[in-house]
N, C-alpha and C. Protein backbone atom coordinates (compact mmCIF):
# COMPACT_ATOMS: atom_id res chain seq x y z
N MET A 1 18.03 -12.53 -25.92
CA MET A 1 17.59 -12.24 -24.57
C MET A 1 17.35 -13.56 -23.84
N VAL A 2 17.75 -13.66 -22.61
CA VAL A 2 17.60 -14.86 -21.83
C VAL A 2 16.26 -14.78 -21.10
N SER A 3 15.48 -15.87 -21.16
CA SER A 3 14.19 -15.85 -20.48
C SER A 3 14.38 -16.28 -19.03
N ALA A 4 13.61 -15.68 -18.17
CA ALA A 4 13.71 -15.96 -16.75
C ALA A 4 12.95 -17.24 -16.41
N PRO A 5 13.46 -18.06 -15.47
CA PRO A 5 12.77 -19.30 -15.12
C PRO A 5 11.43 -19.06 -14.43
N GLU A 6 11.15 -17.82 -13.96
CA GLU A 6 9.90 -17.54 -13.29
C GLU A 6 8.73 -17.46 -14.27
N LYS A 7 9.03 -17.21 -15.52
CA LYS A 7 7.97 -17.03 -16.50
C LYS A 7 7.34 -18.37 -16.85
N GLU A 8 6.05 -18.32 -17.14
CA GLU A 8 5.33 -19.54 -17.52
C GLU A 8 5.85 -20.03 -18.86
N GLY A 9 5.87 -21.35 -19.02
CA GLY A 9 6.29 -21.93 -20.27
C GLY A 9 7.80 -22.11 -20.37
N HIS A 10 8.54 -21.80 -19.33
CA HIS A 10 9.98 -21.95 -19.35
C HIS A 10 10.31 -23.44 -19.25
N PRO A 11 11.27 -23.95 -20.03
CA PRO A 11 11.57 -25.39 -20.03
C PRO A 11 11.98 -25.93 -18.67
N LEU A 12 12.71 -25.15 -17.87
CA LEU A 12 13.13 -25.65 -16.56
C LEU A 12 11.94 -25.87 -15.63
N ILE A 13 10.98 -24.96 -15.69
CA ILE A 13 9.79 -25.09 -14.85
C ILE A 13 8.95 -26.26 -15.32
N GLU A 14 8.76 -26.38 -16.62
CA GLU A 14 7.96 -27.48 -17.14
C GLU A 14 8.60 -28.82 -16.80
N GLU A 15 9.93 -28.90 -16.86
CA GLU A 15 10.63 -30.13 -16.51
C GLU A 15 10.44 -30.45 -15.03
N LYS A 16 10.49 -29.43 -14.19
CA LYS A 16 10.32 -29.62 -12.74
C LYS A 16 8.90 -30.08 -12.42
N LEU A 17 7.90 -29.57 -13.18
CA LEU A 17 6.52 -29.95 -12.93
C LEU A 17 6.22 -31.37 -13.38
N LYS A 18 7.05 -31.93 -14.25
CA LYS A 18 6.84 -33.30 -14.71
C LYS A 18 7.18 -34.32 -13.62
N GLU A 19 7.95 -33.91 -12.63
CA GLU A 19 8.29 -34.82 -11.54
C GLU A 19 7.02 -35.17 -10.79
N PRO A 20 6.89 -36.43 -10.35
CA PRO A 20 5.65 -36.85 -9.68
C PRO A 20 5.45 -36.12 -8.35
N GLY A 21 4.27 -35.57 -8.18
CA GLY A 21 3.90 -34.90 -6.94
C GLY A 21 4.40 -33.48 -6.82
N GLU A 22 5.23 -33.03 -7.76
CA GLU A 22 5.80 -31.68 -7.65
C GLU A 22 4.72 -30.61 -7.84
N ALA A 23 3.84 -30.82 -8.82
CA ALA A 23 2.78 -29.84 -9.08
C ALA A 23 1.85 -29.73 -7.88
N ALA A 24 1.51 -30.84 -7.27
CA ALA A 24 0.62 -30.82 -6.10
C ALA A 24 1.30 -30.11 -4.93
N ARG A 25 2.61 -30.34 -4.77
CA ARG A 25 3.34 -29.70 -3.67
C ARG A 25 3.37 -28.19 -3.86
N ILE A 26 3.63 -27.76 -5.09
CA ILE A 26 3.67 -26.32 -5.38
C ILE A 26 2.30 -25.70 -5.17
N GLU A 27 1.25 -26.39 -5.60
CA GLU A 27 -0.11 -25.87 -5.43
C GLU A 27 -0.48 -25.77 -3.96
N SER A 28 -0.08 -26.75 -3.15
CA SER A 28 -0.40 -26.68 -1.71
C SER A 28 0.36 -25.54 -1.04
N GLN A 29 1.59 -25.28 -1.48
CA GLN A 29 2.35 -24.16 -0.93
C GLN A 29 1.69 -22.84 -1.29
N GLU A 30 1.22 -22.72 -2.53
CA GLU A 30 0.54 -21.49 -2.95
C GLU A 30 -0.73 -21.28 -2.15
N GLN A 31 -1.49 -22.34 -1.89
CA GLN A 31 -2.71 -22.22 -1.10
C GLN A 31 -2.39 -21.81 0.33
N ALA A 32 -1.32 -22.34 0.89
CA ALA A 32 -0.93 -21.98 2.25
C ALA A 32 -0.55 -20.50 2.34
N VAL A 33 0.17 -20.02 1.34
CA VAL A 33 0.57 -18.61 1.32
C VAL A 33 -0.66 -17.72 1.16
N GLU A 34 -1.57 -18.11 0.26
CA GLU A 34 -2.79 -17.31 0.07
C GLU A 34 -3.63 -17.29 1.34
N GLY A 35 -3.72 -18.43 2.03
CA GLY A 35 -4.46 -18.48 3.28
C GLY A 35 -3.84 -17.57 4.34
N TYR A 36 -2.51 -17.57 4.40
CA TYR A 36 -1.82 -16.71 5.36
C TYR A 36 -2.05 -15.24 5.03
N LEU A 37 -1.96 -14.89 3.75
CA LEU A 37 -2.18 -13.50 3.35
C LEU A 37 -3.61 -13.07 3.64
N ASP A 38 -4.58 -13.96 3.41
CA ASP A 38 -5.97 -13.62 3.73
C ASP A 38 -6.13 -13.36 5.22
N LYS A 39 -5.47 -14.17 6.05
CA LYS A 39 -5.55 -14.00 7.50
C LYS A 39 -4.94 -12.66 7.91
N ILE A 40 -3.81 -12.31 7.34
CA ILE A 40 -3.14 -11.05 7.67
C ILE A 40 -3.99 -9.86 7.23
N GLU A 41 -4.63 -9.95 6.07
CA GLU A 41 -5.46 -8.84 5.60
C GLU A 41 -6.68 -8.65 6.48
N ARG A 42 -7.26 -9.73 7.00
CA ARG A 42 -8.43 -9.61 7.86
C ARG A 42 -8.05 -9.05 9.23
N ASP A 43 -6.98 -9.54 9.82
CA ASP A 43 -6.55 -9.13 11.16
C ASP A 43 -5.09 -8.71 11.10
N PRO A 44 -4.82 -7.40 10.91
CA PRO A 44 -3.45 -6.96 10.74
C PRO A 44 -2.57 -7.13 11.98
N GLY A 45 -3.15 -7.44 13.09
CA GLY A 45 -2.34 -7.67 14.28
C GLY A 45 -2.96 -7.03 15.49
N SER A 46 -3.39 -7.86 16.43
CA SER A 46 -4.00 -7.33 17.64
C SER A 46 -3.13 -7.61 18.86
N GLU A 47 -1.99 -8.22 18.64
CA GLU A 47 -1.10 -8.52 19.75
C GLU A 47 0.18 -7.70 19.61
N PRO A 48 0.80 -7.34 20.72
CA PRO A 48 2.01 -6.51 20.65
C PRO A 48 3.19 -7.27 20.06
N VAL A 49 4.09 -6.55 19.44
CA VAL A 49 5.31 -7.13 18.88
C VAL A 49 6.37 -7.11 19.97
N THR A 50 7.04 -8.26 20.14
CA THR A 50 8.07 -8.36 21.17
C THR A 50 9.41 -8.70 20.52
N ASP A 51 10.49 -8.36 21.21
CA ASP A 51 11.82 -8.72 20.70
C ASP A 51 12.20 -10.10 21.24
N ASP A 52 13.43 -10.51 21.04
CA ASP A 52 13.88 -11.85 21.43
C ASP A 52 13.83 -12.07 22.94
N SER A 53 14.01 -11.01 23.71
CA SER A 53 13.99 -11.16 25.16
C SER A 53 12.58 -11.10 25.74
N GLY A 54 11.58 -10.84 24.91
CA GLY A 54 10.20 -10.82 25.38
C GLY A 54 9.69 -9.45 25.75
N GLN A 55 10.49 -8.42 25.60
CA GLN A 55 10.04 -7.08 25.92
C GLN A 55 9.18 -6.54 24.77
N VAL A 56 8.14 -5.81 25.12
CA VAL A 56 7.23 -5.25 24.12
C VAL A 56 7.93 -4.11 23.40
N VAL A 57 8.00 -4.22 22.07
CA VAL A 57 8.65 -3.21 21.25
C VAL A 57 7.61 -2.30 20.60
N LEU A 58 6.50 -2.88 20.18
CA LEU A 58 5.49 -2.14 19.45
C LEU A 58 4.12 -2.64 19.85
N THR A 59 3.25 -1.73 20.28
CA THR A 59 1.89 -2.12 20.63
C THR A 59 0.96 -1.66 19.53
N PRO A 60 -0.05 -2.46 19.20
CA PRO A 60 -0.98 -2.06 18.14
C PRO A 60 -1.82 -0.88 18.59
N SER A 61 -1.99 0.05 17.69
CA SER A 61 -2.80 1.21 18.02
C SER A 61 -4.24 0.93 17.62
N GLY A 62 -5.14 1.49 18.34
CA GLY A 62 -6.55 1.33 18.02
C GLY A 62 -6.92 2.17 16.81
N SER A 63 -8.13 2.08 16.42
CA SER A 63 -8.61 2.86 15.29
C SER A 63 -8.62 4.34 15.67
N GLN A 64 -7.90 5.13 14.92
CA GLN A 64 -7.81 6.55 15.22
C GLN A 64 -8.48 7.34 14.10
N GLN A 65 -9.10 8.44 14.45
CA GLN A 65 -9.68 9.33 13.47
C GLN A 65 -8.55 10.20 12.92
N VAL A 66 -8.26 10.05 11.65
CA VAL A 66 -7.16 10.77 11.02
C VAL A 66 -7.70 12.00 10.31
N THR A 67 -7.01 13.11 10.46
CA THR A 67 -7.36 14.34 9.76
C THR A 67 -6.12 14.85 9.06
N ILE A 68 -6.27 15.16 7.78
CA ILE A 68 -5.18 15.72 7.00
C ILE A 68 -5.42 17.21 6.85
N THR A 69 -4.41 18.02 7.18
CA THR A 69 -4.49 19.47 6.99
C THR A 69 -3.62 19.84 5.80
N LEU A 70 -4.25 20.35 4.77
CA LEU A 70 -3.53 20.72 3.56
C LEU A 70 -2.78 22.03 3.78
N PRO A 71 -1.65 22.23 3.10
CA PRO A 71 -0.85 23.44 3.31
C PRO A 71 -1.42 24.69 2.66
N LEU A 72 -2.49 24.57 1.88
CA LEU A 72 -3.11 25.72 1.22
C LEU A 72 -4.58 25.82 1.59
N ALA A 73 -5.09 27.03 1.57
CA ALA A 73 -6.52 27.24 1.75
C ALA A 73 -7.22 26.89 0.44
N GLU A 74 -8.53 26.71 0.49
CA GLU A 74 -9.27 26.28 -0.69
C GLU A 74 -9.17 27.29 -1.84
N ASP A 75 -9.28 28.57 -1.54
CA ASP A 75 -9.18 29.58 -2.60
C ASP A 75 -7.75 29.69 -3.15
N GLU A 76 -6.74 29.40 -2.30
CA GLU A 76 -5.36 29.39 -2.78
C GLU A 76 -5.12 28.24 -3.76
N ILE A 77 -5.77 27.12 -3.51
CA ILE A 77 -5.65 25.99 -4.44
C ILE A 77 -6.27 26.34 -5.78
N LYS A 78 -7.46 26.95 -5.75
CA LYS A 78 -8.12 27.34 -7.00
C LYS A 78 -7.28 28.36 -7.76
N HIS A 79 -6.70 29.31 -7.04
CA HIS A 79 -5.85 30.33 -7.66
C HIS A 79 -4.58 29.70 -8.22
N GLY A 80 -4.00 28.73 -7.49
CA GLY A 80 -2.77 28.08 -7.91
C GLY A 80 -2.93 27.27 -9.19
N LEU A 81 -4.13 26.74 -9.42
CA LEU A 81 -4.36 25.95 -10.63
C LEU A 81 -4.34 26.81 -11.89
N HIS A 82 -4.47 28.12 -11.75
CA HIS A 82 -4.48 29.02 -12.90
C HIS A 82 -3.10 29.58 -13.22
N HIS A 83 -2.08 29.17 -12.47
CA HIS A 83 -0.71 29.60 -12.75
C HIS A 83 -0.12 28.74 -13.85
N LYS A 84 1.05 29.15 -14.34
CA LYS A 84 1.75 28.38 -15.36
C LYS A 84 2.31 27.09 -14.75
N ILE A 85 2.54 26.11 -15.59
CA ILE A 85 3.03 24.81 -15.14
C ILE A 85 4.41 24.92 -14.50
N VAL A 86 5.20 25.90 -14.87
CA VAL A 86 6.55 26.03 -14.32
C VAL A 86 6.54 26.64 -12.92
N ASP A 87 5.42 27.16 -12.47
CA ASP A 87 5.33 27.77 -11.14
C ASP A 87 5.12 26.69 -10.07
N ALA A 88 5.79 26.84 -8.96
CA ALA A 88 5.70 25.86 -7.88
C ALA A 88 4.31 25.84 -7.25
N ILE A 89 3.64 26.98 -7.21
CA ILE A 89 2.31 27.04 -6.60
C ILE A 89 1.33 26.15 -7.36
N TYR A 90 1.52 26.03 -8.66
CA TYR A 90 0.65 25.16 -9.47
C TYR A 90 0.79 23.71 -9.00
N TRP A 91 2.03 23.26 -8.86
CA TRP A 91 2.25 21.87 -8.49
C TRP A 91 1.85 21.60 -7.04
N LEU A 92 1.98 22.60 -6.17
CA LEU A 92 1.50 22.43 -4.80
C LEU A 92 -0.01 22.29 -4.78
N ALA A 93 -0.70 23.07 -5.61
CA ALA A 93 -2.15 22.97 -5.69
C ALA A 93 -2.58 21.61 -6.24
N VAL A 94 -1.88 21.13 -7.26
CA VAL A 94 -2.19 19.81 -7.83
C VAL A 94 -1.95 18.72 -6.79
N TRP A 95 -0.87 18.86 -6.04
CA TRP A 95 -0.58 17.88 -4.99
C TRP A 95 -1.66 17.88 -3.92
N CYS A 96 -2.12 19.05 -3.53
CA CYS A 96 -3.18 19.16 -2.52
C CYS A 96 -4.46 18.48 -3.01
N ILE A 97 -4.79 18.68 -4.27
CA ILE A 97 -5.99 18.04 -4.82
C ILE A 97 -5.83 16.53 -4.82
N ARG A 98 -4.64 16.06 -5.18
CA ARG A 98 -4.39 14.61 -5.21
C ARG A 98 -4.53 14.02 -3.81
N ILE A 99 -3.96 14.66 -2.82
CA ILE A 99 -4.05 14.18 -1.44
C ILE A 99 -5.51 14.18 -0.97
N ALA A 100 -6.25 15.21 -1.32
CA ALA A 100 -7.66 15.28 -0.92
C ALA A 100 -8.46 14.16 -1.56
N LYS A 101 -8.21 13.86 -2.82
CA LYS A 101 -8.93 12.77 -3.50
C LYS A 101 -8.58 11.42 -2.89
N LYS A 102 -7.30 11.18 -2.61
CA LYS A 102 -6.90 9.91 -2.01
C LYS A 102 -7.49 9.76 -0.61
N ALA A 103 -7.54 10.85 0.13
CA ALA A 103 -8.09 10.80 1.47
C ALA A 103 -9.59 10.52 1.42
N ALA A 104 -10.28 11.10 0.44
CA ALA A 104 -11.71 10.86 0.31
C ALA A 104 -11.99 9.39 0.01
N LEU A 105 -11.16 8.76 -0.79
CA LEU A 105 -11.33 7.34 -1.09
C LEU A 105 -11.10 6.48 0.14
N ALA A 106 -10.21 6.91 1.02
CA ALA A 106 -9.90 6.15 2.23
C ALA A 106 -10.80 6.52 3.40
N GLY A 107 -11.66 7.51 3.21
CA GLY A 107 -12.56 7.94 4.28
C GLY A 107 -11.88 8.80 5.33
N ILE A 108 -10.84 9.49 4.94
CA ILE A 108 -10.09 10.35 5.86
C ILE A 108 -10.57 11.79 5.69
N ARG A 109 -10.70 12.49 6.78
CA ARG A 109 -11.17 13.87 6.76
C ARG A 109 -10.04 14.80 6.32
N VAL A 110 -10.38 15.75 5.44
CA VAL A 110 -9.40 16.72 4.92
C VAL A 110 -9.81 18.10 5.39
N VAL A 111 -8.83 18.86 5.90
CA VAL A 111 -9.08 20.22 6.37
C VAL A 111 -8.14 21.15 5.61
N TYR A 112 -8.69 22.23 5.09
CA TYR A 112 -7.87 23.22 4.41
C TYR A 112 -7.21 24.13 5.45
N ARG A 113 -6.09 24.70 5.08
CA ARG A 113 -5.37 25.61 5.97
C ARG A 113 -6.23 26.84 6.21
N GLN A 114 -6.19 27.34 7.44
CA GLN A 114 -6.92 28.56 7.78
C GLN A 114 -6.09 29.76 7.39
N LYS A 115 -6.73 30.77 6.86
CA LYS A 115 -6.01 32.00 6.47
C LYS A 115 -5.68 32.84 7.65
């Protein structure tokens, strides 16, 4: 099996790092990328995106209250979990529970379908 040069301990990488100043240059590039990623994570973008001619293509949306409406009512989900694994209603109920759990972690409101 051929080892990839990206892996640590690869002879080509170690040879490249032996060059004077190469390790410092790589480390400064990594710090610059990490700094940029930290900036992007803190402020995902408050200015509109423009194309080459300067026209606005995409404007940032403000914070919106998101609500997820599940395709099943709460009692239908409970009933669906008691079906056999080969039944589609079982997997729809499992999917609804998964979406509800993920939404709860993200602080998103979940609404069950009305009968």
